C-alpha atoms as a PDB file:
ATOM      1  CA  MET A   1     -34.424 -10.077 -19.855  1.00  0.00           C
ATOM      2  CA  GLY A   2     -33.906 -13.154 -22.073  1.00  0.00           C
ATOM      3  CA  ALA A   3     -31.721 -16.311 -21.015  1.00  0.00           C
ATOM      4  CA  VAL A   4     -29.215 -15.587 -23.906  1.00  0.00           C
ATOM      5  CA  LYS A   5     -28.895 -12.100 -22.733  1.00  0.00           C
ATOM      6  CA  LYS A   6     -28.546 -12.871 -19.089  1.00  0.00           C
ATOM      7  CA  GLU A   7     -25.909 -15.516 -19.982  1.00  0.00           C
ATOM      8  CA  ILE A   8     -23.649 -12.931 -22.143  1.00  0.00           C
ATOM      9  CA  PHE A   9     -24.150 -10.329 -19.057  1.00  0.00           C
ATOM     10  CA  ILE A  10     -22.792 -12.810 -16.442  1.00  0.00           C
ATOM     11  CA  GLY A  11     -19.876 -13.492 -18.841  1.00  0.00           C
ATOM     12  CA  ALA A  12     -19.422  -9.933 -19.253  1.00  0.00           C
ATOM     13  CA  ALA A  13     -19.464  -9.354 -15.600  1.00  0.00           C
ATOM     14  CA  VAL A  14     -16.903 -12.012 -14.752  1.00  0.00           C
ATOM     15  CA  GLY A  15     -14.747 -10.803 -17.635  1.00  0.00           C
ATOM     16  CA  PHE A  16     -14.870  -7.269 -15.902  1.00  0.00           C
ATOM     17  CA  PHE A  17     -13.999  -8.815 -12.293  1.00  0.00           C
ATOM     18  CA  VAL A  18     -11.225 -10.778 -13.645  1.00  0.00           C
ATOM     19  CA  VAL A  19      -9.839  -7.552 -14.878  1.00  0.00           C
ATOM     20  CA  LEU A  20     -10.200  -5.716 -12.029  1.00  0.00           C
ATOM     21  CA  ALA A  21      -8.447  -8.733  -9.878  1.00  0.00           C
ATOM     22  CA  GLY A  22      -5.795  -8.611 -12.273  1.00  0.00           C
ATOM     23  CA  LEU A  23      -5.296  -4.578 -11.822  1.00  0.00           C
ATOM     24  CA  PHE A  24      -5.198  -5.206  -7.981  1.00  0.00           C
ATOM     25  CA  LEU A  25      -2.907  -8.098  -8.158  1.00  0.00           C
ATOM     26  CA  GLY A  26      -0.544  -6.242 -10.667  1.00  0.00           C
ATOM     27  CA  TYR A  27      -0.739  -3.207  -8.200  1.00  0.00           C
ATOM     28  CA  GLU A  28       0.105  -5.424  -5.088  1.00  0.00           C
ATOM     29  CA  TYR A  29       3.410  -6.695  -6.569  1.00  0.00           C
ATOM     30  CA  LEU A  30       4.335  -4.112  -8.831  1.00  0.00           C
ATOM     31  CA  VAL A  31       3.802  -0.999  -6.773  1.00  0.00           C
ATOM     32  CA  SER A  32       2.329  -1.896  -3.534  1.00  0.00           C
ATOM     33  CA  GLN A  33       5.344  -0.318  -1.705  1.00  0.00           C
ATOM     34  CA  TYR A  34       4.077   3.222  -2.936  1.00  0.00           C
ATOM     35  CA  GLU A  35       0.755   5.031  -1.983  1.00  0.00           C
ATOM     36  CA  LEU A  36      -1.996   4.716  -4.181  1.00  0.00           C
ATOM     37  CA  PRO A  37      -1.637   8.353  -5.728  1.00  0.00           C
ATOM     38  CA  GLN A  38       2.103   8.012  -5.962  1.00  0.00           C
ATOM     39  CA  SER A  39       1.785   5.096  -8.034  1.00  0.00           C
ATOM     40  CA  ILE A  40      -0.982   6.355 -10.225  1.00  0.00           C
ATOM     41  CA  ARG A  41       1.372   9.521 -10.919  1.00  0.00           C
ATOM     42  CA  MET A  42       4.133   7.008 -11.583  1.00  0.00           C
ATOM     43  CA  PHE A  43       1.935   4.895 -14.035  1.00  0.00           C
ATOM     44  CA  HIS A  44       1.088   8.550 -15.828  1.00  0.00           C
ATOM     45  CA  ASN A  45       4.611   9.716 -16.039  1.00  0.00           C
ATOM     46  CA  LYS A  46       5.802   6.281 -17.675  1.00  0.00           C
ATOM     47  CA  HIS A  47       2.725   6.082 -19.884  1.00  0.00           C
ATOM     48  CA  LEU A  48       2.159   2.348 -18.251  1.00  0.00           C
ATOM     49  CA  TYR A  49      -1.618   2.426 -18.157  1.00  0.00           C
ATOM     50  CA  GLY A  50      -1.984   0.354 -21.362  1.00  0.00           C
ATOM     51  CA  LYS A  51       0.498  -2.174 -20.389  1.00  0.00           C
ATOM     52  CA  VAL A  52      -0.901  -2.728 -16.951  1.00  0.00           C
ATOM     53  CA  LEU A  53      -4.370  -2.882 -18.205  1.00  0.00           C
ATOM     54  CA  PHE A  54      -3.258  -5.474 -21.029  1.00  0.00           C
ATOM     55  CA  LEU A  55      -1.424  -7.333 -18.306  1.00  0.00           C
ATOM     56  CA  ALA A  56      -4.619  -7.356 -16.139  1.00  0.00           C
ATOM     57  CA  ALA A  57      -6.631  -8.577 -19.052  1.00  0.00           C
ATOM     58  CA  VAL A  58      -4.911 -11.785 -19.714  1.00  0.00           C
ATOM     59  CA  PRO A  59      -6.562 -13.944 -17.143  1.00  0.00           C
ATOM     60  CA  ASN A  60      -9.549 -13.317 -19.332  1.00  0.00           C
ATOM     61  CA  ILE A  61      -8.063 -15.867 -21.777  1.00  0.00           C
ATOM     62  CA  PHE A  62      -8.271 -18.752 -19.147  1.00  0.00           C
ATOM     63  CA  VAL A  63     -11.587 -17.761 -18.545  1.00  0.00           C
ATOM     64  CA  PHE A  64     -12.660 -17.830 -21.810  1.00  0.00           C
ATOM     65  CA  PHE A  65     -11.445 -21.016 -22.686  1.00  0.00           C
ATOM     66  CA  LEU A  66     -12.812 -22.537 -19.438  1.00  0.00           C
ATOM     67  CA  TYR A  67     -16.379 -21.354 -20.537  1.00  0.00           C
ATOM     68  CA  LEU A  68     -15.915 -22.988 -23.749  1.00  0.00           C
ATOM     69  CA  LYS A  69     -14.686 -26.281 -22.560  1.00  0.00           C
ATOM     70  CA  LYS A  70     -17.782 -26.257 -19.995  1.00  0.00           C
ATOM     71  CA  LYS A  71     -19.844 -25.639 -23.246  1.00  0.00           C
ATOM     72  CA  GLN A  72     -20.900 -22.011 -22.015  1.00  0.00           C
ATOM     73  CA  ASP A  73     -20.936 -20.121 -25.109  1.00  0.00           C
ATOM     74  CA  HIS A  74     -22.833 -17.488 -24.336  1.00  0.00           C
ATOM     75  CA  ARG A  75     -20.921 -16.745 -21.244  1.00  0.00           C
ATOM     76  CA  ALA A  76     -17.654 -16.967 -23.174  1.00  0.00           C
ATOM     77  CA  LYS A  77     -19.403 -14.405 -25.642  1.00  0.00           C
ATOM     78  CA  GLY A  78     -19.539 -11.649 -22.656  1.00  0.00           C
ATOM     79  CA  ILE A  79     -15.743 -12.710 -21.762  1.00  0.00           C
ATOM     80  CA  LEU A  80     -14.893 -11.943 -25.547  1.00  0.00           C
ATOM     81  CA  GLY A  81     -16.856  -8.656 -25.525  1.00  0.00           C
ATOM     82  CA  ILE A  82     -15.204  -7.390 -22.338  1.00  0.00           C
ATOM     83  CA  SER A  83     -11.908  -8.541 -23.807  1.00  0.00           C
ATOM     84  CA  ILE A  84     -12.095  -6.452 -26.937  1.00  0.00           C
ATOM     85  CA  LEU A  85     -13.313  -3.443 -25.170  1.00  0.00           C
ATOM     86  CA  ILE A  86     -10.219  -3.701 -22.989  1.00  0.00           C
ATOM     87  CA  ALA A  87      -8.167  -4.166 -26.243  1.00  0.00           C
ATOM     88  CA  LEU A  88      -9.958  -1.003 -27.706  1.00  0.00           C
ATOM     89  CA  ILE A  89      -9.166   1.024 -24.506  1.00  0.00           C
ATOM     90  CA  THR A  90      -5.610  -0.167 -24.383  1.00  0.00           C
ATOM     91  CA  PHE A  91      -5.126   0.809 -27.891  1.00  0.00           C
ATOM     92  CA  GLY A  92      -6.756   4.286 -27.329  1.00  0.00           C
ATOM     93  CA  LEU A  93      -4.257   4.885 -24.327  1.00  0.00           C
ATOM     94  CA  LYS A  94      -1.471   4.065 -26.263  1.00  0.00           C
ATOM     95  CA  PHE A  95      -1.972   6.856 -28.689  1.00  0.00           C
ATOM     96  CA  ILE A  96      -3.386   9.579 -26.457  1.00  0.00           C
END
């Protein structure tokens, strides 16, 4: 694997884990009083998947600008790719 592809992959992995951390924190602060299956049912009934996913992806903005400030442009490309993927998933969930 080339050095550039490796850097983009690292950025994408970091972006993915930041989204997972955002989902976990959102779950802990918003619906932790419910059990996991009950909270998933609540998200489904109220059509909150897209909103929760969007809020979980917001910290990617900070990581993206951190990588740009540190002159790690290829890692920032990976973060941007994951952010675009999350945006497309959110868009799809909104209209499904």
